[in-house]
Protein backbone atom coordinates (compact mmCIF):
# COMPACT_ATOMS: atom_id res chain seq x y z
CA UNK A 1 -11.64 -43.35 14.62
CA UNK A 2 -8.40 -43.07 12.68
CA UNK A 3 -8.39 -40.06 10.30
CA UNK A 4 -8.81 -40.97 6.62
CA UNK A 5 -7.30 -38.99 3.75
CA UNK A 6 -9.80 -37.27 1.46
CA UNK A 7 -7.88 -36.19 -1.66
CA UNK A 8 -8.47 -33.52 -4.32
CA UNK A 9 -10.34 -31.12 -2.04
CA UNK A 10 -9.38 -27.89 -0.33
CA UNK A 11 -10.70 -26.89 3.11
CA UNK A 12 -10.53 -23.55 4.90
CA UNK A 13 -12.00 -22.55 8.25
CA UNK A 14 -14.18 -19.45 8.21
CA UNK A 15 -15.02 -18.25 11.72
CA UNK A 16 -14.20 -21.74 13.02
CA UNK A 17 -16.35 -23.69 10.54
CA UNK A 18 -14.87 -25.82 7.79
CA UNK A 19 -15.73 -25.05 4.19
CA UNK A 20 -14.85 -27.98 1.92
CA UNK A 21 -14.24 -26.92 -1.68
CA UNK A 22 -14.39 -29.67 -4.29
CA UNK A 23 -14.00 -29.60 -8.04
CA UNK A 24 -11.94 -30.85 -10.92
CA UNK A 25 -8.25 -29.89 -11.24
CA UNK A 26 -7.95 -26.26 -12.31
CA UNK A 27 -11.52 -25.40 -11.24
CA UNK A 28 -10.38 -22.75 -8.77
CA UNK A 29 -10.33 -24.57 -5.40
CA UNK A 30 -6.99 -23.14 -4.28
CA UNK A 31 -7.74 -19.70 -5.73
CA UNK A 32 -11.03 -19.50 -3.81
CA UNK A 33 -9.23 -20.69 -0.67
CA UNK A 34 -6.55 -18.01 -1.15
CA UNK A 35 -9.21 -15.30 -1.53
CA UNK A 36 -10.95 -16.54 1.63
CA UNK A 37 -7.64 -16.63 3.53
CA UNK A 38 -7.05 -13.04 2.44
CA UNK A 39 -10.39 -12.24 4.13
CA UNK A 40 -9.40 -13.97 7.41
CA UNK A 41 -10.04 -17.68 6.84
CA UNK A 42 -7.50 -20.26 8.03
CA UNK A 43 -6.15 -23.03 5.81
CA UNK A 44 -7.00 -26.58 6.84
CA UNK A 45 -5.62 -28.36 3.77
CA UNK A 46 -5.07 -27.85 0.06
CA UNK A 47 -5.39 -30.77 -2.36
CA UNK A 48 -6.31 -33.05 0.51
CA UNK A 49 -7.34 -33.25 4.15
CA UNK A 50 -7.69 -35.94 6.75
CA UNK A 51 -11.26 -36.50 7.93
CA UNK A 52 -12.18 -37.75 11.38
CA UNK A 53 -15.61 -38.45 12.86
CA UNK A 54 -15.73 -36.95 16.35
CA UNK A 55 -18.99 -37.86 18.10
CA UNK A 56 -21.02 -37.59 14.88
CA UNK A 57 -19.35 -34.40 13.66
CA UNK A 58 -16.91 -34.63 10.75
CA UNK A 59 -13.64 -32.77 11.33
CA UNK A 60 -11.11 -31.85 8.65
CA UNK A 61 -7.48 -31.93 9.74
CA UNK A 62 -4.31 -30.78 7.99
CA UNK A 63 -2.63 -33.83 6.39
CA UNK A 64 0.83 -34.23 7.96
CA UNK A 65 2.81 -34.43 4.70
CA UNK A 66 1.40 -31.18 3.22
CA UNK A 67 0.17 -29.30 6.30
CA UNK A 68 0.22 -25.56 5.77
CA UNK A 69 1.06 -25.75 2.06
CA UNK A 70 -1.13 -24.02 -0.53
CA UNK A 71 -0.50 -24.05 -4.27
CA UNK A 72 -0.82 -20.61 -5.80
CA UNK A 73 -1.13 -21.31 -9.51
CA UNK A 74 1.54 -19.52 -11.52
CA UNK A 75 3.45 -18.59 -8.34
CA UNK A 76 4.34 -21.77 -6.45
CA UNK A 77 3.77 -23.38 -3.06
CA UNK A 78 3.29 -21.00 -0.15
CA UNK A 79 3.35 -21.91 3.53
CA UNK A 80 0.57 -20.72 5.82
CA UNK A 81 -0.70 -21.54 9.31
CA UNK A 82 -3.10 -24.50 9.27
CA UNK A 83 -5.64 -25.73 11.81
CA UNK A 84 -8.40 -28.36 12.04
CA UNK A 85 -12.09 -27.43 11.77
CA UNK A 86 -15.49 -29.14 11.88
CA UNK A 87 -17.01 -29.35 8.39
CA UNK A 88 -20.05 -27.15 7.91
CA UNK A 89 -20.58 -26.87 4.13
CA UNK A 90 -19.41 -28.33 0.83
CA UNK A 91 -19.05 -26.06 -2.19
CA UNK A 92 -19.01 -28.07 -5.43
CA UNK A 93 -17.27 -25.88 -8.00
CA UNK A 94 -18.57 -25.83 -11.54
CA UNK A 95 -20.78 -23.94 -13.94
CA UNK A 96 -24.09 -25.43 -12.74
CA UNK A 97 -24.66 -23.08 -9.80
CA UNK A 98 -28.31 -22.15 -9.28
CA UNK A 99 -29.27 -18.50 -8.93
CA UNK A 100 -31.24 -19.19 -5.71
CA UNK A 101 -29.96 -22.57 -4.55
CA UNK A 102 -31.44 -25.10 -2.21
CA UNK A 103 -28.65 -26.99 -0.46
CA UNK A 104 -28.36 -30.70 -1.08
CA UNK A 105 -26.94 -33.20 1.35
CA UNK A 106 -23.48 -34.59 0.66
CA UNK A 107 -22.61 -37.68 2.69
CA UNK A 108 -18.94 -37.98 3.59
CA UNK A 109 -17.68 -40.79 5.80
CA UNK A 110 -21.29 -41.43 6.84
CA UNK A 111 -21.94 -37.83 7.95
CA UNK A 112 -24.44 -35.57 6.14
CA UNK A 113 -23.02 -32.15 5.21
CA UNK A 114 -25.00 -29.46 3.34
CA UNK A 115 -23.70 -28.93 -0.20
CA UNK A 116 -24.15 -26.23 -2.85
CA UNK A 117 -23.19 -26.09 -6.51
CA UNK A 118 -20.98 -23.00 -6.69
CA UNK A 119 -19.30 -20.92 -9.37
CA UNK A 120 -15.96 -19.49 -8.24
CA UNK A 121 -15.87 -16.99 -11.10
CA UNK A 122 -15.83 -13.28 -10.46
CA UNK A 123 -14.33 -10.95 -7.90
CA UNK A 124 -17.03 -11.58 -5.27
CA UNK A 125 -16.60 -15.37 -5.07
CA UNK A 126 -15.00 -15.32 -1.59
CA UNK A 127 -17.72 -13.03 -0.27
CA UNK A 128 -20.40 -15.27 -1.83
CA UNK A 129 -18.75 -18.34 -0.26
CA UNK A 130 -18.85 -16.69 3.18
CA UNK A 131 -22.55 -15.90 2.73
CA UNK A 132 -23.22 -19.47 1.57
CA UNK A 133 -21.61 -20.71 4.78
CA UNK A 134 -23.64 -18.27 6.93
CA UNK A 135 -26.94 -19.19 5.26
CA UNK A 136 -26.52 -22.91 4.62
CA UNK A 137 -23.66 -24.25 6.77
CA UNK A 138 -23.97 -26.35 9.89
CA UNK A 139 -23.64 -24.37 13.14
CA UNK A 140 -20.66 -24.82 15.44
């Protein structure tokens, strides 16, 4: 399958598993990604990724035209290492995050990925995102 561009999302790999962060412009996608990268995650793509179905598993790949570029709001574009990763969880940024969530299923390119409503507010958002991935993400 030829990779297809999926715009307006940010993806990082945490311990080899892709965490897709979606939300409206200015919702904190890149800021959450930056906090996760500071904790050891690897950038896959900011503001867009290519998606490829590999034997029923959806992989996110750095898009060639912006590979390794991350927008740091108020600072500019920074360049970081980037690598592909299999998607394991979708975090949908917004204010409607449940206190004790039950993951929903988000279908992307015909592949079901667990999804959680997620608030990126507060200093522990990267840590909470890592725990969300551990508890609700697809295994490698």
